[in-house]
Amino acid sequence: MMLLLDQVLVEFPQHARIMRRLYLSDEHFRSICEDLVLATTELREVEANAVPADRAAELLGLRDALCRELVAYVGRAASDRDAG
């Protein structure tokens, strides 16, 4: 399963340390990572197979929302850690 995290860390290497900690300890964080990898994988397949543009746009929007959620989650975890 750490391979999944490795795929996420390619996009967010600056958050590697906290993401590794969250991945090991937080089920919701793992779920966001899984969803992001699935959306990214499907988007690549859609782009490679010339699937309708509306499906590609939908996947891109989903992927962007997941990236924002992931970064926000990491930010909250970092500030909780700094506060504690």
PDB file of N, CA and C in Angstrom:
ATOM      1  N   MET A   1       0.807  -1.208   0.000  1.00  0.00           N
ATOM      2  CA  MET A   1       0.000   0.000   0.000  1.00  0.00           C
ATOM      3  C   MET A   1       0.849   1.270   0.000  1.00  0.00           C
ATOM      4  N   MET A   2       2.057   1.180   0.464  1.00  0.00           N
ATOM      5  CA  MET A   2       2.900   2.368   0.456  1.00  0.00           C
ATOM      6  C   MET A   2       3.173   2.828  -0.972  1.00  0.00           C
ATOM      7  N   LEU A   3       3.043   1.941  -1.942  1.00  0.00           N
ATOM      8  CA  LEU A   3       3.205   2.357  -3.332  1.00  0.00           C
ATOM      9  C   LEU A   3       2.180   3.423  -3.692  1.00  0.00           C
ATOM     10  N   LEU A   4       0.999   3.308  -3.132  1.00  0.00           N
ATOM     11  CA  LEU A   4      -0.040   4.301  -3.360  1.00  0.00           C
ATOM     12  C   LEU A   4       0.426   5.659  -2.834  1.00  0.00           C
ATOM     13  N   LEU A   5       0.973   5.668  -1.638  1.00  0.00           N
ATOM     14  CA  LEU A   5       1.478   6.914  -1.079  1.00  0.00           C
ATOM     15  C   LEU A   5       2.610   7.470  -1.932  1.00  0.00           C
ATOM     16  N   ASP A   6       3.466   6.601  -2.428  1.00  0.00           N
ATOM     17  CA  ASP A   6       4.552   7.061  -3.297  1.00  0.00           C
ATOM     18  C   ASP A   6       4.018   7.810  -4.508  1.00  0.00           C
ATOM     19  N   GLN A   7       2.894   7.350  -5.061  1.00  0.00           N
ATOM     20  CA  GLN A   7       2.290   8.031  -6.206  1.00  0.00           C
ATOM     21  C   GLN A   7       1.816   9.432  -5.822  1.00  0.00           C
ATOM     22  N   VAL A   8       1.304   9.571  -4.620  1.00  0.00           N
ATOM     23  CA  VAL A   8       0.850  10.884  -4.143  1.00  0.00           C
ATOM     24  C   VAL A   8       2.053  11.792  -3.877  1.00  0.00           C
ATOM     25  N   LEU A   9       3.099  11.230  -3.298  1.00  0.00           N
ATOM     26  CA  LEU A   9       4.274  12.029  -2.945  1.00  0.00           C
ATOM     27  C   LEU A   9       4.992  12.594  -4.163  1.00  0.00           C
ATOM     28  N   VAL A  10       4.799  11.985  -5.318  1.00  0.00           N
ATOM     29  CA  VAL A  10       5.383  12.532  -6.544  1.00  0.00           C
ATOM     30  C   VAL A  10       4.881  13.959  -6.760  1.00  0.00           C
ATOM     31  N   GLU A  11       3.628  14.198  -6.414  1.00  0.00           N
ATOM     32  CA  GLU A  11       3.043  15.526  -6.610  1.00  0.00           C
ATOM     33  C   GLU A  11       3.272  16.466  -5.433  1.00  0.00           C
ATOM     34  N   PHE A  12       3.543  15.899  -4.251  1.00  0.00           N
ATOM     35  CA  PHE A  12       3.671  16.718  -3.050  1.00  0.00           C
ATOM     36  C   PHE A  12       4.928  16.344  -2.259  1.00  0.00           C
ATOM     37  N   PRO A  13       6.092  16.363  -2.883  1.00  0.00           N
ATOM     38  CA  PRO A  13       7.301  15.932  -2.168  1.00  0.00           C
ATOM     39  C   PRO A  13       7.635  16.817  -0.967  1.00  0.00           C
ATOM     40  N   GLN A  14       7.207  18.071  -1.008  1.00  0.00           N
ATOM     41  CA  GLN A  14       7.496  18.989   0.089  1.00  0.00           C
ATOM     42  C   GLN A  14       6.764  18.603   1.378  1.00  0.00           C
ATOM     43  N   HIS A  15       5.751  17.741   1.275  1.00  0.00           N
ATOM     44  CA  HIS A  15       4.978  17.317   2.441  1.00  0.00           C
ATOM     45  C   HIS A  15       5.235  15.850   2.796  1.00  0.00           C
ATOM     46  N   ALA A  16       6.305  15.283   2.296  1.00  0.00           N
ATOM     47  CA  ALA A  16       6.542  13.844   2.428  1.00  0.00           C
ATOM     48  C   ALA A  16       6.517  13.363   3.879  1.00  0.00           C
ATOM     49  N   ARG A  17       7.178  14.074   4.758  1.00  0.00           N
ATOM     50  CA  ARG A  17       7.282  13.591   6.139  1.00  0.00           C
ATOM     51  C   ARG A  17       5.923  13.505   6.821  1.00  0.00           C
ATOM     52  N   ILE A  18       5.158  14.574   6.738  1.00  0.00           N
ATOM     53  CA  ILE A  18       3.856  14.568   7.403  1.00  0.00           C
ATOM     54  C   ILE A  18       2.875  13.630   6.698  1.00  0.00           C
ATOM     55  N   MET A  19       2.979  13.527   5.373  1.00  0.00           N
ATOM     56  CA  MET A  19       2.089  12.624   4.645  1.00  0.00           C
ATOM     57  C   MET A  19       2.359  11.166   5.006  1.00  0.00           C
ATOM     58  N   ARG A  20       3.611  10.819   5.181  1.00  0.00           N
ATOM     59  CA  ARG A  20       3.924   9.444   5.603  1.00  0.00           C
ATOM     60  C   ARG A  20       3.315   9.156   6.970  1.00  0.00           C
ATOM     61  N   ARG A  21       3.438  10.106   7.871  1.00  0.00           N
ATOM     62  CA  ARG A  21       2.868   9.925   9.215  1.00  0.00           C
ATOM     63  C   ARG A  21       1.346   9.792   9.145  1.00  0.00           C
ATOM     64  N   LEU A  22       0.710  10.675   8.397  1.00  0.00           N
ATOM     65  CA  LEU A  22      -0.744  10.621   8.260  1.00  0.00           C
ATOM     66  C   LEU A  22      -1.196   9.328   7.594  1.00  0.00           C
ATOM     67  N   TYR A  23      -0.472   8.899   6.589  1.00  0.00           N
ATOM     68  CA  TYR A  23      -0.848   7.685   5.866  1.00  0.00           C
ATOM     69  C   TYR A  23      -0.850   6.472   6.799  1.00  0.00           C
ATOM     70  N   LEU A  24       0.092   6.436   7.696  1.00  0.00           N
ATOM     71  CA  LEU A  24       0.181   5.306   8.619  1.00  0.00           C
ATOM     72  C   LEU A  24      -0.846   5.371   9.746  1.00  0.00           C
ATOM     73  N   SER A  25      -1.304   6.570  10.084  1.00  0.00           N
ATOM     74  CA  SER A  25      -2.141   6.709  11.273  1.00  0.00           C
ATOM     75  C   SER A  25      -3.574   7.165  11.030  1.00  0.00           C
ATOM     76  N   ASP A  26      -3.907   7.582   9.822  1.00  0.00           N
ATOM     77  CA  ASP A  26      -5.203   8.226   9.600  1.00  0.00           C
ATOM     78  C   ASP A  26      -5.944   7.602   8.418  1.00  0.00           C
ATOM     79  N   GLU A  27      -7.014   6.909   8.723  1.00  0.00           N
ATOM     80  CA  GLU A  27      -7.796   6.215   7.693  1.00  0.00           C
ATOM     81  C   GLU A  27      -8.408   7.182   6.679  1.00  0.00           C
ATOM     82  N   HIS A  28      -8.890   8.333   7.144  1.00  0.00           N
ATOM     83  CA  HIS A  28      -9.484   9.309   6.218  1.00  0.00           C
ATOM     84  C   HIS A  28      -8.430   9.837   5.234  1.00  0.00           C
ATOM     85  N   PHE A  29      -7.242  10.097   5.733  1.00  0.00           N
ATOM     86  CA  PHE A  29      -6.167  10.552   4.858  1.00  0.00           C
ATOM     87  C   PHE A  29      -5.844   9.492   3.807  1.00  0.00           C
ATOM     88  N   ARG A  30      -5.767   8.229   4.220  1.00  0.00           N
ATOM     89  CA  ARG A  30      -5.508   7.141   3.259  1.00  0.00           C
ATOM     90  C   ARG A  30      -6.596   7.088   2.194  1.00  0.00           C
ATOM     91  N   SER A  31      -7.830   7.325   2.606  1.00  0.00           N
ATOM     92  CA  SER A  31      -8.949   7.321   1.660  1.00  0.00           C
ATOM     93  C   SER A  31      -8.808   8.438   0.622  1.00  0.00           C
ATOM     94  N   ILE A  32      -8.404   9.629   1.065  1.00  0.00           N
ATOM     95  CA  ILE A  32      -8.185  10.739   0.128  1.00  0.00           C
ATOM     96  C   ILE A  32      -7.078  10.366  -0.864  1.00  0.00           C
ATOM     97  N   CYS A  33      -6.002   9.771  -0.361  1.00  0.00           N
ATOM     98  CA  CYS A  33      -4.897   9.350  -1.228  1.00  0.00           C
ATOM     99  C   CYS A  33      -5.370   8.338  -2.266  1.00  0.00           C
ATOM    100  N   GLU A  34      -6.138   7.353  -1.814  1.00  0.00           N
ATOM    101  CA  GLU A  34      -6.654   6.334  -2.736  1.00  0.00           C
ATOM    102  C   GLU A  34      -7.513   6.970  -3.820  1.00  0.00           C
ATOM    103  N   ASP A  35      -8.410   7.863  -3.414  1.00  0.00           N
ATOM    104  CA  ASP A  35      -9.278   8.529  -4.382  1.00  0.00           C
ATOM    105  C   ASP A  35      -8.471   9.361  -5.374  1.00  0.00           C
ATOM    106  N   LEU A  36      -7.450  10.037  -4.886  1.00  0.00           N
ATOM    107  CA  LEU A  36      -6.613  10.853  -5.763  1.00  0.00           C
ATOM    108  C   LEU A  36      -5.875   9.988  -6.782  1.00  0.00           C
ATOM    109  N   VAL A  37      -5.327   8.884  -6.345  1.00  0.00           N
ATOM    110  CA  VAL A  37      -4.614   7.997  -7.267  1.00  0.00           C
ATOM    111  C   VAL A  37      -5.580   7.401  -8.289  1.00  0.00           C
ATOM    112  N   LEU A  38      -6.762   6.999  -7.854  1.00  0.00           N
ATOM    113  CA  LEU A  38      -7.755   6.465  -8.797  1.00  0.00           C
ATOM    114  C   LEU A  38      -8.162   7.513  -9.832  1.00  0.00           C
ATOM    115  N   ALA A  39      -8.428   8.730  -9.382  1.00  0.00           N
ATOM    116  CA  ALA A  39      -8.824   9.796 -10.312  1.00  0.00           C
ATOM    117  C   ALA A  39      -7.698  10.115 -11.283  1.00  0.00           C
ATOM    118  N   THR A  40      -6.473  10.164 -10.797  1.00  0.00           N
ATOM    119  CA  THR A  40      -5.322  10.458 -11.657  1.00  0.00           C
ATOM    120  C   THR A  40      -5.119   9.354 -12.686  1.00  0.00           C
ATOM    121  N   THR A  41      -5.235   8.116 -12.245  1.00  0.00           N
ATOM    122  CA  THR A  41      -5.072   6.973 -13.152  1.00  0.00           C
ATOM    123  C   THR A  41      -6.147   6.980 -14.227  1.00  0.00           C
ATOM    124  N   GLU A  42      -7.385   7.197 -13.812  1.00  0.00           N
ATOM    125  CA  GLU A  42      -8.478   7.217 -14.790  1.00  0.00           C
ATOM    126  C   GLU A  42      -8.339   8.397 -15.749  1.00  0.00           C
ATOM    127  N   LEU A  43      -7.905   9.537 -15.243  1.00  0.00           N
ATOM    128  CA  LEU A  43      -7.709  10.704 -16.107  1.00  0.00           C
ATOM    129  C   LEU A  43      -6.657  10.411 -17.173  1.00  0.00           C
ATOM    130  N   ARG A  44      -5.573   9.777 -16.792  1.00  0.00           N
ATOM    131  CA  ARG A  44      -4.535   9.416 -17.770  1.00  0.00           C
ATOM    132  C   ARG A  44      -5.090   8.458 -18.829  1.00  0.00           C
ATOM    133  N   GLU A  45      -5.896   7.493 -18.404  1.00  0.00           N
ATOM    134  CA  GLU A  45      -6.495   6.551 -19.346  1.00  0.00           C
ATOM    135  C   GLU A  45      -7.455   7.256 -20.301  1.00  0.00           C
ATOM    136  N   VAL A  46      -8.242   8.178 -19.758  1.00  0.00           N
ATOM    137  CA  VAL A  46      -9.197   8.932 -20.568  1.00  0.00           C
ATOM    138  C   VAL A  46      -8.453   9.774 -21.607  1.00  0.00           C
ATOM    139  N   GLU A  47      -7.412  10.456 -21.160  1.00  0.00           N
ATOM    140  CA  GLU A  47      -6.649  11.296 -22.082  1.00  0.00           C
ATOM    141  C   GLU A  47      -5.969  10.466 -23.162  1.00  0.00           C
ATOM    142  N   ALA A  48      -5.496   9.284 -22.810  1.00  0.00           N
ATOM    143  CA  ALA A  48      -4.801   8.420 -23.774  1.00  0.00           C
ATOM    144  C   ALA A  48      -5.761   7.802 -24.791  1.00  0.00           C
ATOM    145  N   ASN A  49      -7.018   7.653 -24.425  1.00  0.00           N
ATOM    146  CA  ASN A  49      -7.975   6.974 -25.297  1.00  0.00           C
ATOM    147  C   ASN A  49      -8.981   7.908 -25.950  1.00  0.00           C
ATOM    148  N   ALA A  50      -8.728   9.190 -25.893  1.00  0.00           N
ATOM    149  CA  ALA A  50      -9.585  10.176 -26.556  1.00  0.00           C
ATOM    150  C   ALA A  50     -11.059   9.996 -26.190  1.00  0.00           C
ATOM    151  N   VAL A  51     -11.334   9.878 -24.907  1.00  0.00           N
ATOM    152  CA  VAL A  51     -12.697   9.783 -24.395  1.00  0.00           C
ATOM    153  C   VAL A  51     -13.297  11.189 -24.425  1.00  0.00           C
ATOM    154  N   PRO A  52     -14.615  11.297 -24.433  1.00  0.00           N
ATOM    155  CA  PRO A  52     -15.247  12.625 -24.524  1.00  0.00           C
ATOM    156  C   PRO A  52     -14.681  13.637 -23.530  1.00  0.00           C
ATOM    157  N   ALA A  53     -14.588  14.856 -24.005  1.00  0.00           N
ATOM    158  CA  ALA A  53     -13.978  15.943 -23.231  1.00  0.00           C
ATOM    159  C   ALA A  53     -14.706  16.191 -21.914  1.00  0.00           C
ATOM    160  N   ASP A  54     -16.017  15.978 -21.872  1.00  0.00           N
ATOM    161  CA  ASP A  54     -16.748  16.231 -20.628  1.00  0.00           C
ATOM    162  C   ASP A  54     -16.328  15.266 -19.523  1.00  0.00           C
ATOM    163  N   ARG A  55     -16.020  14.026 -19.881  1.00  0.00           N
ATOM    164  CA  ARG A  55     -15.536  13.062 -18.881  1.00  0.00           C
ATOM    165  C   ARG A  55     -14.144  13.456 -18.396  1.00  0.00           C
ATOM    166  N   ALA A  56     -13.296  13.880 -19.281  1.00  0.00           N
ATOM    167  CA  ALA A  56     -11.954  14.324 -18.899  1.00  0.00           C
ATOM    168  C   ALA A  56     -12.050  15.545 -17.988  1.00  0.00           C
ATOM    169  N   ALA A  57     -12.934  16.475 -18.321  1.00  0.00           N
ATOM    170  CA  ALA A  57     -13.107  17.676 -17.498  1.00  0.00           C
ATOM    171  C   ALA A  57     -13.639  17.319 -16.113  1.00  0.00           C
ATOM    172  N   GLU A  58     -14.563  16.368 -16.056  1.00  0.00           N
ATOM    173  CA  GLU A  58     -15.107  15.913 -14.774  1.00  0.00           C
ATOM    174  C   GLU A  58     -14.005  15.305 -13.904  1.00  0.00           C
ATOM    175  N   LEU A  59     -13.188  14.459 -14.506  1.00  0.00           N
ATOM    176  CA  LEU A  59     -12.092  13.826 -13.763  1.00  0.00           C
ATOM    177  C   LEU A  59     -11.043  14.842 -13.327  1.00  0.00           C
ATOM    178  N   LEU A  60     -10.760  15.799 -14.184  1.00  0.00           N
ATOM    179  CA  LEU A  60      -9.793  16.832 -13.829  1.00  0.00           C
ATOM    180  C   LEU A  60     -10.303  17.666 -12.655  1.00  0.00           C
ATOM    181  N   GLY A  61     -11.583  17.994 -12.662  1.00  0.00           N
ATOM    182  CA  GLY A  61     -12.181  18.725 -11.547  1.00  0.00           C
ATOM    183  C   GLY A  61     -12.128  17.923 -10.252  1.00  0.00           C
ATOM    184  N   LEU A  62     -12.423  16.633 -10.344  1.00  0.00           N
ATOM    185  CA  LEU A  62     -12.361  15.756  -9.179  1.00  0.00           C
ATOM    186  C   LEU A  62     -10.942  15.674  -8.645  1.00  0.00           C
ATOM    187  N   ARG A  63      -9.992  15.507  -9.541  1.00  0.00           N
ATOM    188  CA  ARG A  63      -8.594  15.407  -9.151  1.00  0.00           C
ATOM    189  C   ARG A  63      -8.113  16.698  -8.479  1.00  0.00           C
ATOM    190  N   ASP A  64      -8.486  17.832  -9.046  1.00  0.00           N
ATOM    191  CA  ASP A  64      -8.102  19.119  -8.456  1.00  0.00           C
ATOM    192  C   ASP A  64      -8.710  19.290  -7.059  1.00  0.00           C
ATOM    193  N   ALA A  65      -9.980  18.898  -6.905  1.00  0.00           N
ATOM    194  CA  ALA A  65     -10.638  19.001  -5.596  1.00  0.00           C
ATOM    195  C   ALA A  65      -9.951  18.099  -4.576  1.00  0.00           C
ATOM    196  N   LEU A  66      -9.561  16.903  -4.987  1.00  0.00           N
ATOM    197  CA  LEU A  66      -8.867  15.993  -4.085  1.00  0.00           C
ATOM    198  C   LEU A  66      -7.493  16.530  -3.695  1.00  0.00           C
ATOM    199  N   CYS A  67      -6.800  17.134  -4.634  1.00  0.00           N
ATOM    200  CA  CYS A  67      -5.499  17.746  -4.320  1.00  0.00           C
ATOM    201  C   CYS A  67      -5.662  18.862  -3.299  1.00  0.00           C
ATOM    202  N   ARG A  68      -6.679  19.698  -3.481  1.00  0.00           N
ATOM    203  CA  ARG A  68      -6.928  20.783  -2.520  1.00  0.00           C
ATOM    204  C   ARG A  68      -7.269  20.214  -1.143  1.00  0.00           C
ATOM    205  N   GLU A  69      -8.096  19.167  -1.121  1.00  0.00           N
ATOM    206  CA  GLU A  69      -8.472  18.547   0.148  1.00  0.00           C
ATOM    207  C   GLU A  69      -7.252  17.949   0.844  1.00  0.00           C
ATOM    208  N   LEU A  70      -6.401  17.310   0.076  1.00  0.00           N
ATOM    209  CA  LEU A  70      -5.194  16.699   0.626  1.00  0.00           C
ATOM    210  C   LEU A  70      -4.270  17.748   1.230  1.00  0.00           C
ATOM    211  N   VAL A  71      -4.040  18.833   0.513  1.00  0.00           N
ATOM    212  CA  VAL A  71      -3.164  19.895   1.008  1.00  0.00           C
ATOM    213  C   VAL A  71      -3.770  20.549   2.254  1.00  0.00           C
ATOM    214  N   ALA A  72      -5.071  20.758   2.263  1.00  0.00           N
ATOM    215  CA  ALA A  72      -5.727  21.336   3.442  1.00  0.00           C
ATOM    216  C   ALA A  72      -5.603  20.401   4.643  1.00  0.00           C
ATOM    217  N   TYR A  73      -5.770  19.121   4.418  1.00  0.00           N
ATOM    218  CA  TYR A  73      -5.653  18.118   5.479  1.00  0.00           C
ATOM    219  C   TYR A  73      -4.246  18.138   6.064  1.00  0.00           C
ATOM    220  N   VAL A  74      -3.264  18.174   5.203  1.00  0.00           N
ATOM    221  CA  VAL A  74      -1.865  18.225   5.646  1.00  0.00           C
ATOM    222  C   VAL A  74      -1.617  19.516   6.434  1.00  0.00           C
ATOM    223  N   GLY A  75      -2.149  20.616   5.964  1.00  0.00           N
ATOM    224  CA  GLY A  75      -1.987  21.888   6.660  1.00  0.00           C
ATOM    225  C   GLY A  75      -2.586  21.861   8.060  1.00  0.00           C
ATOM    226  N   ARG A  76      -3.782  21.279   8.179  1.00  0.00           N
ATOM    227  CA  ARG A  76      -4.409  21.170   9.502  1.00  0.00           C
ATOM    228  C   ARG A  76      -3.585  20.279  10.420  1.00  0.00           C
ATOM    229  N   ALA A  77      -3.092  19.172   9.889  1.00  0.00           N
ATOM    230  CA  ALA A  77      -2.285  18.249  10.696  1.00  0.00           C
ATOM    231  C   ALA A  77      -0.992  18.915  11.141  1.00  0.00           C
ATOM    232  N   ALA A  78      -0.389  19.682  10.265  1.00  0.00           N
ATOM    233  CA  ALA A  78       0.870  20.377  10.610  1.00  0.00           C
ATOM    234  C   ALA A  78       0.610  21.419  11.688  1.00  0.00           C
ATOM    235  N   SER A  79      -0.481  22.173  11.590  1.00  0.00           N
ATOM    236  CA  SER A  79      -0.720  23.201  12.608  1.00  0.00           C
ATOM    237  C   SER A  79      -1.155  22.574  13.919  1.00  0.00           C
ATOM    238  N   ASP A  80      -1.855  21.434  13.885  1.00  0.00           N
ATOM    239  CA  ASP A  80      -2.195  20.717  15.125  1.00  0.00           C
ATOM    240  C   ASP A  80      -0.920  20.238  15.813  1.00  0.00           C
ATOM    241  N   ARG A  81       0.014  19.737  15.026  1.00  0.00           N
ATOM    242  CA  ARG A  81       1.279  19.239  15.565  1.00  0.00           C
ATOM    243  C   ARG A  81       2.082  20.388  16.176  1.00  0.00           C
ATOM    244  N   ASP A  82       2.111  21.530  15.473  1.00  0.00           N
ATOM    245  CA  ASP A  82       2.866  22.682  15.970  1.00  0.00           C
ATOM    246  C   ASP A  82       2.231  23.273  17.230  1.00  0.00           C
ATOM    247  N   ALA A  83       0.903  23.198  17.324  1.00  0.00           N
ATOM    248  CA  ALA A  83       0.195  23.753  18.471  1.00  0.00           C
ATOM    249  C   ALA A  83       0.349  22.857  19.711  1.00  0.00           C
ATOM    250  N   GLY A  84       0.549  21.547  19.460  1.00  0.00           N
ATOM    251  CA  GLY A  84       0.603  20.597  20.572  1.00  0.00           C
ATOM    252  C   GLY A  84       1.932  20.382  21.051  1.00  0.00           C
TER     253      GLY A  84
END
